[in-house]
Amino acid sequence: MAASQFQLRRVAEHEFVPWARMIADTYGMDRSKEELADQRAATDLARTLAVFDEGEPVAGASVYRRMLTVPGGVLPVAGVASVGVAPTHRRRGILTSMMRAQLTDLHEQQREPIAGLRPSEAGIYGRYGYGPATVGNRMRCDRRAMRFRPDTDFGEGTVRLKHAVQARPLLEGIYDQVRTASVGWPDRQTPHWAVRLADYPHRRGTATALRFAVHQERDGRPTGYALYRHSSAPDGLGGSAGVVEVVELAACSLPSYAALWRFLAGIDLVTWVDYEGAVDEPLQHLLVEPRAVQATPVDRLWLRLADVDKALAGRSYSRPLDLVLDVRDDFCPWNSVRHRLQAETGSATCEPTSAPADIRLTVAELGAAFLGGTSLTALAAAGLVEELRRGALSLASAAFRGEREPWYPGGWAFPLY
């Protein structure tokens, strides 16, 4: 049966639990009653889709409205999550029908100009116009070799372990300070924090419960935190080695950042400290031996410009621009026109135009470059961006880039974390 032969509609309240369990099953996971309650609190049923076959949910996807820090400001983004198709109904066009319904709704209802997600498989969403907008480094740090440079400024604050109830309001305040200045960080409302800090025992495996380390200045101001667990990994000699798994780290200043890492590197009975951080993470530059940190890049947040004009006009650029972009978008035909992007210090406009194009690219490449991470020149080197006017590509690529690499700090399910 083709996708058109199934019913695609919103999920009703009484259908949420079977829908959520079906989605979890597509990822080979179970859902406890506590998890279902947390997920329901974070889910907007008005923006949650399901495909039904004989009254049973066989596929689904949700949208969560979030605010995302972009170059020069903050934009609303449609956080896409809980995307799944039951193994009994694959390869029938169902995922395509859900993606089309989501993006059409964003455009027709004039909702968020951007959609974002963290795919479980990187090869799935490019065909729907998503591009990898941030890259992270999976870091394995050899604790025994983590000696800090003698000129490292650790400040005069202290790191203290807190209980979850004590820590949460401090974490929220620190996170909000950091995210407004960090491209790629989304806001977190109460339901999102509940999911981020949820510590379900059956999800830990052999790891411990979450630990909450908070950095505070001498006057008591909280300026950084690290969430971590203790676990173990094979040591290559038939035994096991202690591991500290850093789930998240946020710091308002370099001294608080350095102090938190000194704390993590000082935990006893540990061989490795694991963390997924930014591509330009400062840690390696603070160490006498930078090779104590081994890093593997991995794609994280993928973005899709649902309305190209609104999205491009909603961020700032590092230099003045007056370019015409010939955008190809087979999935959302309203974007498949030429767009004139004009930018001055602190403001930008983007409108359809009939003027000759300077650069030709697809909407997926725009999504990849939108936060200033993936460069347009790198995409052009791969044959994915075409320069039509000499000099336009280098100008555009430089204008899209920012001072730091964009970084998305959450877990794999973008909207929940």
Protein backbone atom coordinates (compact mmCIF):
# COMPACT_ATOMS: atom_id res chain seq x y z
CA MET A 1 0.00 0.00 0.00
CA ALA A 2 1.20 3.52 -0.83
CA ALA A 3 1.34 6.32 1.74
CA SER A 4 -1.79 7.91 0.28
CA GLN A 5 -3.79 4.85 1.31
CA PHE A 6 -3.10 5.45 5.00
CA GLN A 7 -4.57 8.14 7.25
CA LEU A 8 -2.24 11.01 8.15
CA ARG A 9 -3.53 13.26 10.93
CA ARG A 10 -2.81 14.76 14.33
CA VAL A 11 -2.57 12.56 17.40
CA ALA A 12 -5.46 12.74 19.88
CA GLU A 13 -4.89 12.68 23.64
CA HIS A 14 -6.02 9.08 24.06
CA GLU A 15 -3.69 8.01 21.24
CA PHE A 16 -0.51 9.49 22.69
CA VAL A 17 0.71 6.46 24.66
CA PRO A 18 0.36 3.92 21.81
CA TRP A 19 1.88 6.49 19.45
CA ALA A 20 4.87 7.11 21.76
CA ARG A 21 5.43 3.41 22.35
CA MET A 22 5.34 2.80 18.59
CA ILE A 23 7.94 5.52 18.00
CA ALA A 24 10.16 4.11 20.76
CA ASP A 25 9.88 0.64 19.25
CA THR A 26 11.21 1.89 15.90
CA TYR A 27 14.42 2.81 17.77
CA GLY A 28 14.55 -0.48 19.65
CA MET A 29 13.63 1.19 22.95
CA ASP A 30 11.06 0.79 25.69
CA ARG A 31 9.26 3.61 27.50
CA SER A 32 8.52 3.54 31.22
CA LYS A 33 5.44 5.27 32.65
CA GLU A 34 7.70 8.04 33.99
CA GLU A 35 9.29 8.57 30.59
CA LEU A 36 5.91 8.68 28.89
CA ALA A 37 4.71 11.29 31.37
CA ASP A 38 7.80 13.45 30.79
CA GLN A 39 7.48 13.09 27.04
CA ARG A 40 3.78 13.96 27.13
CA ALA A 41 4.50 17.14 29.12
CA ALA A 42 6.98 18.22 26.44
CA THR A 43 4.77 17.27 23.47
CA ASP A 44 2.43 19.64 21.64
CA LEU A 45 -0.25 17.32 20.30
CA ALA A 46 -1.49 20.05 17.96
CA ARG A 47 1.83 19.65 16.12
CA THR A 48 2.22 15.89 16.44
CA LEU A 49 1.45 13.74 13.41
CA ALA A 50 0.74 10.07 13.04
CA VAL A 51 0.00 7.73 10.17
CA PHE A 52 -2.69 5.20 10.99
CA ASP A 53 -3.39 1.81 9.46
CA GLU A 54 -6.73 0.33 10.52
CA GLY A 55 -6.78 2.66 13.52
CA GLU A 56 -3.27 1.79 14.76
CA PRO A 57 -0.37 4.27 14.63
CA VAL A 58 2.39 3.03 12.33
CA ALA A 59 4.45 6.21 11.94
CA GLY A 60 4.77 9.63 13.49
CA ALA A 61 6.67 12.88 13.95
CA SER A 62 6.47 15.86 16.30
CA VAL A 63 7.37 19.53 16.17
CA TYR A 64 8.43 21.55 19.21
CA ARG A 65 8.74 25.31 18.90
CA ARG A 66 12.12 26.45 20.20
CA MET A 67 14.22 29.59 20.04
CA LEU A 68 17.64 29.07 18.47
CA THR A 69 20.62 31.40 18.79
CA VAL A 70 21.80 32.32 15.28
CA PRO A 71 24.47 34.80 14.15
CA GLY A 72 23.36 38.18 15.42
CA GLY A 73 20.22 37.12 17.27
CA VAL A 74 17.62 34.49 18.03
CA LEU A 75 15.09 32.89 15.68
CA PRO A 76 12.13 30.55 16.25
CA VAL A 77 12.86 27.05 15.00
CA ALA A 78 10.60 24.05 14.52
CA GLY A 79 12.37 21.32 16.45
CA VAL A 80 11.55 18.01 14.79
CA ALA A 81 11.69 14.84 16.90
CA SER A 82 10.04 11.50 17.53
CA VAL A 83 10.25 10.65 13.84
CA GLY A 84 9.69 7.00 13.13
CA VAL A 85 8.05 4.50 10.80
CA ALA A 86 7.18 1.02 12.02
CA PRO A 87 9.31 -1.70 10.36
CA THR A 88 6.10 -3.20 8.97
CA HIS A 89 5.39 -0.05 6.93
CA ARG A 90 8.76 1.03 5.56
CA ARG A 91 9.50 2.06 1.95
CA ARG A 92 5.97 3.17 1.17
CA GLY A 93 6.55 6.91 1.07
CA ILE A 94 5.23 7.46 4.60
CA LEU A 95 8.23 9.41 5.89
CA THR A 96 8.15 11.63 2.82
CA SER A 97 4.46 12.36 3.36
CA MET A 98 5.08 13.38 6.99
CA MET A 99 8.05 15.60 6.10
CA ARG A 100 6.03 17.28 3.36
CA ALA A 101 3.09 17.86 5.70
CA GLN A 102 5.37 19.42 8.35
CA LEU A 103 7.14 21.81 5.98
CA THR A 104 3.94 22.79 4.17
CA ASP A 105 2.36 23.64 7.51
CA LEU A 106 5.36 25.80 8.50
CA HIS A 107 5.03 27.75 5.26
CA GLU A 108 1.26 28.05 4.92
CA GLN A 109 0.65 28.90 8.59
CA GLN A 110 3.65 31.29 8.62
CA ARG A 111 5.21 29.48 11.55
CA GLU A 112 8.95 29.04 12.15
CA PRO A 113 11.16 29.78 9.10
CA ILE A 114 13.59 27.00 10.04
CA ALA A 115 13.24 23.35 11.01
CA GLY A 116 15.97 21.51 12.94
CA LEU A 117 16.66 17.93 13.97
CA ARG A 118 19.35 15.47 15.00
CA PRO A 119 19.04 12.47 12.70
CA SER A 120 19.62 8.95 13.96
CA GLU A 121 21.13 8.25 10.52
CA ALA A 122 22.92 11.02 8.65
CA GLY A 123 21.84 9.85 5.20
CA ILE A 124 18.10 10.20 5.70
CA TYR A 125 17.21 13.88 5.68
CA GLY A 126 19.30 15.44 2.93
CA ARG A 127 16.63 14.49 0.42
CA TYR A 128 14.16 16.62 2.39
CA GLY A 129 16.40 19.69 2.23
CA TYR A 130 18.18 19.39 5.59
CA GLY A 131 21.90 20.14 5.83
CA PRO A 132 24.44 19.50 8.64
CA ALA A 133 24.69 22.94 10.28
CA THR A 134 26.87 22.03 13.28
CA VAL A 135 29.63 19.51 13.83
CA GLY A 136 30.88 18.29 17.18
CA ASN A 137 34.01 16.53 18.38
CA ARG A 138 33.69 13.25 20.26
CA MET A 139 36.58 13.66 22.64
CA ARG A 140 38.38 10.98 24.64
CA CYS A 141 40.74 12.59 27.13
CA ASP A 142 43.56 10.67 28.79
CA ARG A 143 43.19 11.92 32.34
CA ARG A 144 46.75 10.90 33.25
CA ALA A 145 48.17 13.26 30.59
CA MET A 146 45.85 16.20 31.28
CA ARG A 147 48.34 18.66 32.75
CA PHE A 148 47.29 22.27 32.41
CA ARG A 149 49.59 25.00 31.18
CA PRO A 150 51.14 26.95 34.07
CA ASP A 151 49.60 30.21 32.81
CA THR A 152 46.04 28.82 32.86
CA ASP A 153 43.66 31.16 34.69
CA PHE A 154 41.42 29.11 36.98
CA GLY A 155 40.01 32.17 38.74
CA GLU A 156 39.18 32.23 42.44
CA GLY A 157 35.90 30.33 42.33
CA THR A 158 35.18 26.81 43.56
CA VAL A 159 33.52 23.68 42.17
CA ARG A 160 30.98 21.95 44.39
CA LEU A 161 28.83 18.86 43.89
CA LYS A 162 25.10 19.52 44.26
CA HIS A 163 22.01 17.38 44.56
CA ALA A 164 19.67 17.49 41.56
CA VAL A 165 17.06 19.67 43.28
CA GLN A 166 19.70 22.14 44.44
CA ALA A 167 21.45 22.19 41.09
CA ARG A 168 18.57 22.67 38.67
CA PRO A 169 17.84 26.41 39.19
CA LEU A 170 21.58 27.10 39.02
CA LEU A 171 21.93 25.13 35.79
CA GLU A 172 19.01 26.96 34.21
CA GLY A 173 20.48 30.36 35.00
CA ILE A 174 23.93 29.44 33.71
CA TYR A 175 22.54 27.86 30.55
CA ASP A 176 20.50 30.96 29.71
CA GLN A 177 23.56 33.17 30.09
CA VAL A 178 25.63 30.97 27.81
CA ARG A 179 23.05 30.20 25.13
CA THR A 180 22.24 33.79 24.23
CA ALA A 181 25.88 34.29 23.21
CA SER A 182 26.42 30.84 21.64
CA VAL A 183 25.31 30.16 18.07
CA GLY A 184 23.49 26.83 17.81
CA TRP A 185 22.14 26.72 21.37
CA PRO A 186 18.34 26.39 21.77
CA ASP A 187 16.30 27.69 24.67
CA ARG A 188 14.95 25.25 27.26
CA GLN A 189 11.57 25.52 28.90
CA THR A 190 10.54 23.55 31.98
CA PRO A 191 9.49 20.38 30.09
CA HIS A 192 12.75 20.37 28.12
CA TRP A 193 14.80 20.61 31.32
CA ALA A 194 12.79 17.75 32.80
CA VAL A 195 13.72 15.52 29.88
CA ARG A 196 17.35 16.71 29.77
CA LEU A 197 17.89 15.96 33.46
CA ALA A 198 15.78 12.82 33.59
CA ASP A 199 17.87 10.02 35.07
CA TYR A 200 15.91 6.86 34.46
CA PRO A 201 17.78 3.90 36.05
CA HIS A 202 17.10 1.53 33.15
CA ARG A 203 18.79 3.99 30.74
CA ARG A 204 22.09 4.12 32.64
CA GLY A 205 23.39 0.70 31.69
CA THR A 206 26.47 0.15 33.86
CA ALA A 207 26.94 3.89 34.49
CA THR A 208 26.10 5.71 37.72
CA ALA A 209 23.41 8.31 38.29
CA LEU A 210 24.08 11.85 37.08
CA ARG A 211 26.46 14.02 39.09
CA PHE A 212 26.04 17.81 39.17
CA ALA A 213 29.23 19.86 39.53
CA VAL A 214 28.61 23.62 39.78
CA HIS A 215 31.25 26.34 39.62
CA GLN A 216 30.61 29.40 41.78
CA GLU A 217 32.57 32.61 42.19
CA ARG A 218 33.73 33.83 45.60
CA ASP A 219 30.58 35.97 45.87
CA GLY A 220 28.40 32.90 45.29
CA ARG A 221 27.45 33.60 41.68
CA PRO A 222 27.09 30.35 39.68
CA THR A 223 29.13 30.61 36.48
CA GLY A 224 29.45 27.07 35.14
CA TYR A 225 28.41 23.45 35.49
CA ALA A 226 29.29 19.94 34.35
CA LEU A 227 26.85 17.03 34.26
CA TYR A 228 28.62 13.67 34.31
CA ARG A 229 28.47 9.99 35.17
CA HIS A 230 30.98 7.33 36.18
CA SER A 231 31.26 4.25 33.97
CA SER A 232 33.89 1.87 32.67
CA ALA A 233 35.33 0.73 29.34
CA PRO A 234 37.64 -2.10 28.23
CA ASP A 235 41.29 -1.19 28.86
CA GLY A 236 42.62 -3.33 25.99
CA LEU A 237 44.34 -5.69 28.42
CA GLY A 238 41.35 -7.80 29.33
CA GLY A 239 40.30 -5.54 32.17
CA SER A 240 38.35 -2.32 32.51
CA ALA A 241 39.23 1.35 32.93
CA GLY A 242 37.29 4.00 34.81
CA VAL A 243 35.56 6.59 32.64
CA VAL A 244 33.92 9.91 33.41
CA GLU A 245 31.17 10.54 30.85
CA VAL A 246 30.55 14.28 30.62
CA VAL A 247 26.96 14.73 29.49
CA GLU A 248 27.01 18.53 29.28
CA LEU A 249 29.30 21.39 30.24
CA ALA A 250 28.52 25.11 30.19
CA ALA A 251 30.68 27.98 31.43
CA CYS A 252 30.17 31.74 31.46
CA SER A 253 33.91 32.53 31.48
CA LEU A 254 37.24 30.97 30.63
CA PRO A 255 38.28 30.65 34.31
CA SER A 256 35.09 28.75 35.16
CA TYR A 257 35.58 26.55 32.08
CA ALA A 258 39.18 25.80 33.07
CA ALA A 259 38.22 25.15 36.69
CA LEU A 260 35.53 22.66 35.68
CA TRP A 261 37.95 20.76 33.46
CA ARG A 262 40.57 20.75 36.22
CA PHE A 263 37.93 19.23 38.49
CA LEU A 264 36.98 16.55 35.93
CA ALA A 265 40.64 15.73 35.24
CA GLY A 266 41.25 15.36 38.97
CA ILE A 267 38.65 12.68 39.69
CA ASP A 268 40.37 9.59 41.10
CA LEU A 269 40.27 6.04 39.72
CA VAL A 270 39.59 7.34 36.21
CA THR A 271 41.55 6.69 33.02
CA TRP A 272 39.40 8.47 30.45
CA VAL A 273 37.17 11.53 30.38
CA ASP A 274 34.70 11.39 27.48
CA TYR A 275 32.89 14.44 26.15
CA GLU A 276 31.24 15.55 22.94
CA GLY A 277 32.22 19.20 22.51
CA ALA A 278 32.57 21.92 19.91
CA VAL A 279 34.96 21.65 16.97
CA ASP A 280 36.91 24.60 18.37
CA GLU A 281 36.73 23.46 21.99
CA PRO A 282 39.33 25.42 24.05
CA LEU A 283 40.37 22.45 26.18
CA GLN A 284 43.24 21.23 24.01
CA HIS A 285 44.83 24.69 24.05
CA LEU A 286 44.87 24.70 27.86
CA LEU A 287 46.94 21.53 28.11
CA VAL A 288 50.70 21.07 28.09
CA GLU A 289 50.10 17.94 26.00
CA PRO A 290 47.28 18.63 23.50
CA ARG A 291 47.41 15.00 22.33
CA ALA A 292 45.88 14.02 25.63
CA VAL A 293 42.62 14.80 23.82
CA GLN A 294 41.73 12.63 20.84
CA ALA A 295 38.75 13.90 18.86
CA THR A 296 36.49 12.47 16.16
CA PRO A 297 34.15 14.86 14.31
CA VAL A 298 30.45 13.99 14.08
CA ASP A 299 27.48 15.84 12.61
CA ARG A 300 24.99 17.14 15.14
CA LEU A 301 22.23 19.66 14.41
CA TRP A 302 20.77 19.61 10.88
CA LEU A 303 18.78 22.60 9.65
CA ARG A 304 16.18 23.06 6.93
CA LEU A 305 15.12 26.51 5.71
CA ALA A 306 11.35 26.24 5.38
CA ASP A 307 11.10 29.85 4.14
CA VAL A 308 14.40 30.95 2.64
CA ASP A 309 13.69 34.69 2.58
CA LYS A 310 12.58 34.88 6.22
CA ALA A 311 15.41 32.69 7.45
CA LEU A 312 18.20 34.56 5.64
CA ALA A 313 16.80 37.92 6.71
CA GLY A 314 16.67 36.73 10.33
CA ARG A 315 20.42 36.49 10.94
CA SER A 316 23.32 38.92 10.62
CA TYR A 317 26.41 38.64 8.42
CA SER A 318 30.07 39.38 9.09
CA ARG A 319 30.38 41.79 6.14
CA PRO A 320 28.15 43.77 3.76
CA LEU A 321 26.43 41.71 1.08
CA ASP A 322 24.40 42.24 -2.07
CA LEU A 323 24.04 38.86 -3.72
CA VAL A 324 21.47 36.98 -5.75
CA LEU A 325 21.09 33.32 -4.79
CA ASP A 326 19.48 30.90 -7.23
CA VAL A 327 18.00 28.35 -4.84
CA ARG A 328 16.77 24.94 -5.93
CA ASP A 329 14.22 23.27 -3.68
CA ASP A 330 12.37 20.33 -5.19
CA PHE A 331 10.56 19.54 -1.94
CA CYS A 332 9.25 23.06 -1.17
CA PRO A 333 8.68 24.74 -4.54
CA TRP A 334 7.92 28.16 -3.02
CA ASN A 335 11.66 28.48 -2.29
CA SER A 336 12.76 27.65 -5.85
CA VAL A 337 13.31 31.22 -7.02
CA ARG A 338 16.15 33.70 -7.08
CA HIS A 339 16.59 35.55 -3.79
CA ARG A 340 18.36 38.88 -3.38
CA LEU A 341 20.20 38.94 -0.06
CA GLN A 342 21.34 42.37 1.10
CA ALA A 343 23.11 42.87 4.41
CA GLU A 344 24.59 45.78 6.31
CA THR A 345 25.87 45.93 9.87
CA GLY A 346 23.18 44.50 12.13
CA SER A 347 20.42 44.09 9.50
CA ALA A 348 19.57 42.06 6.41
CA THR A 349 16.81 41.74 3.84
CA CYS A 350 16.04 38.90 1.47
CA GLU A 351 13.41 39.06 -1.28
CA PRO A 352 12.55 37.29 -4.55
CA THR A 353 14.12 38.89 -7.60
CA SER A 354 14.42 38.48 -11.35
CA ALA A 355 18.02 39.76 -11.37
CA PRO A 356 20.81 37.50 -12.67
CA ALA A 357 22.06 35.01 -10.09
CA ASP A 358 25.52 35.19 -8.50
CA ILE A 359 25.48 31.76 -6.83
CA ARG A 360 23.44 28.60 -7.46
CA LEU A 361 22.83 26.02 -4.74
CA THR A 362 20.16 23.85 -3.16
CA VAL A 363 18.27 24.60 0.03
CA ALA A 364 20.22 21.82 1.78
CA GLU A 365 23.49 23.69 1.25
CA LEU A 366 21.90 26.83 2.66
CA GLY A 367 20.84 24.86 5.73
CA ALA A 368 24.38 23.55 6.19
CA ALA A 369 25.87 27.06 5.92
CA PHE A 370 23.16 28.92 7.82
CA LEU A 371 24.79 29.03 11.27
CA GLY A 372 28.24 29.80 9.89
CA GLY A 373 29.72 26.33 10.36
CA THR A 374 29.95 24.57 7.01
CA SER A 375 31.55 27.01 4.56
CA LEU A 376 30.10 27.67 1.12
CA THR A 377 33.59 27.38 -0.36
CA ALA A 378 33.93 23.87 1.08
CA LEU A 379 30.58 22.93 -0.42
CA ALA A 380 31.65 24.43 -3.75
CA ALA A 381 34.83 22.34 -3.66
CA ALA A 382 32.56 19.29 -3.43
CA GLY A 383 30.58 20.50 -6.47
CA LEU A 384 27.49 21.36 -4.43
CA VAL A 385 27.60 25.16 -4.88
CA GLU A 386 28.13 26.90 -8.23
CA GLU A 387 29.63 30.37 -8.53
CA LEU A 388 28.02 32.32 -11.39
CA ARG A 389 29.76 35.67 -10.83
CA ARG A 390 33.46 35.81 -10.13
CA GLY A 391 34.23 36.72 -6.52
CA ALA A 392 30.67 36.13 -5.27
CA LEU A 393 31.46 32.79 -3.63
CA SER A 394 34.36 33.95 -1.44
CA LEU A 395 32.37 37.01 -0.37
CA ALA A 396 29.29 34.98 0.54
CA SER A 397 31.29 32.29 2.31
CA ALA A 398 33.11 34.84 4.47
CA ALA A 399 29.89 36.73 5.24
CA PHE A 400 28.09 33.60 6.45
CA ARG A 401 30.91 32.58 8.79
CA GLY A 402 31.09 33.68 12.44
CA GLU A 403 33.78 34.24 15.05
CA ARG A 404 33.33 30.77 16.61
CA GLU A 405 32.13 27.47 15.24
CA PRO A 406 28.41 26.91 15.89
CA TRP A 407 27.72 24.22 18.44
CA TYR A 408 24.59 22.38 19.52
CA PRO A 409 24.94 21.17 23.14
CA GLY A 410 21.91 18.92 23.51
CA GLY A 411 21.34 15.20 23.20
CA TRP A 412 20.37 13.35 20.05
CA ALA A 413 16.68 14.34 20.23
CA PHE A 414 17.06 18.05 19.47
CA PRO A 415 13.71 19.50 20.59
CA LEU A 416 13.55 17.67 23.92
CA TYR A 417 16.99 18.67 25.14
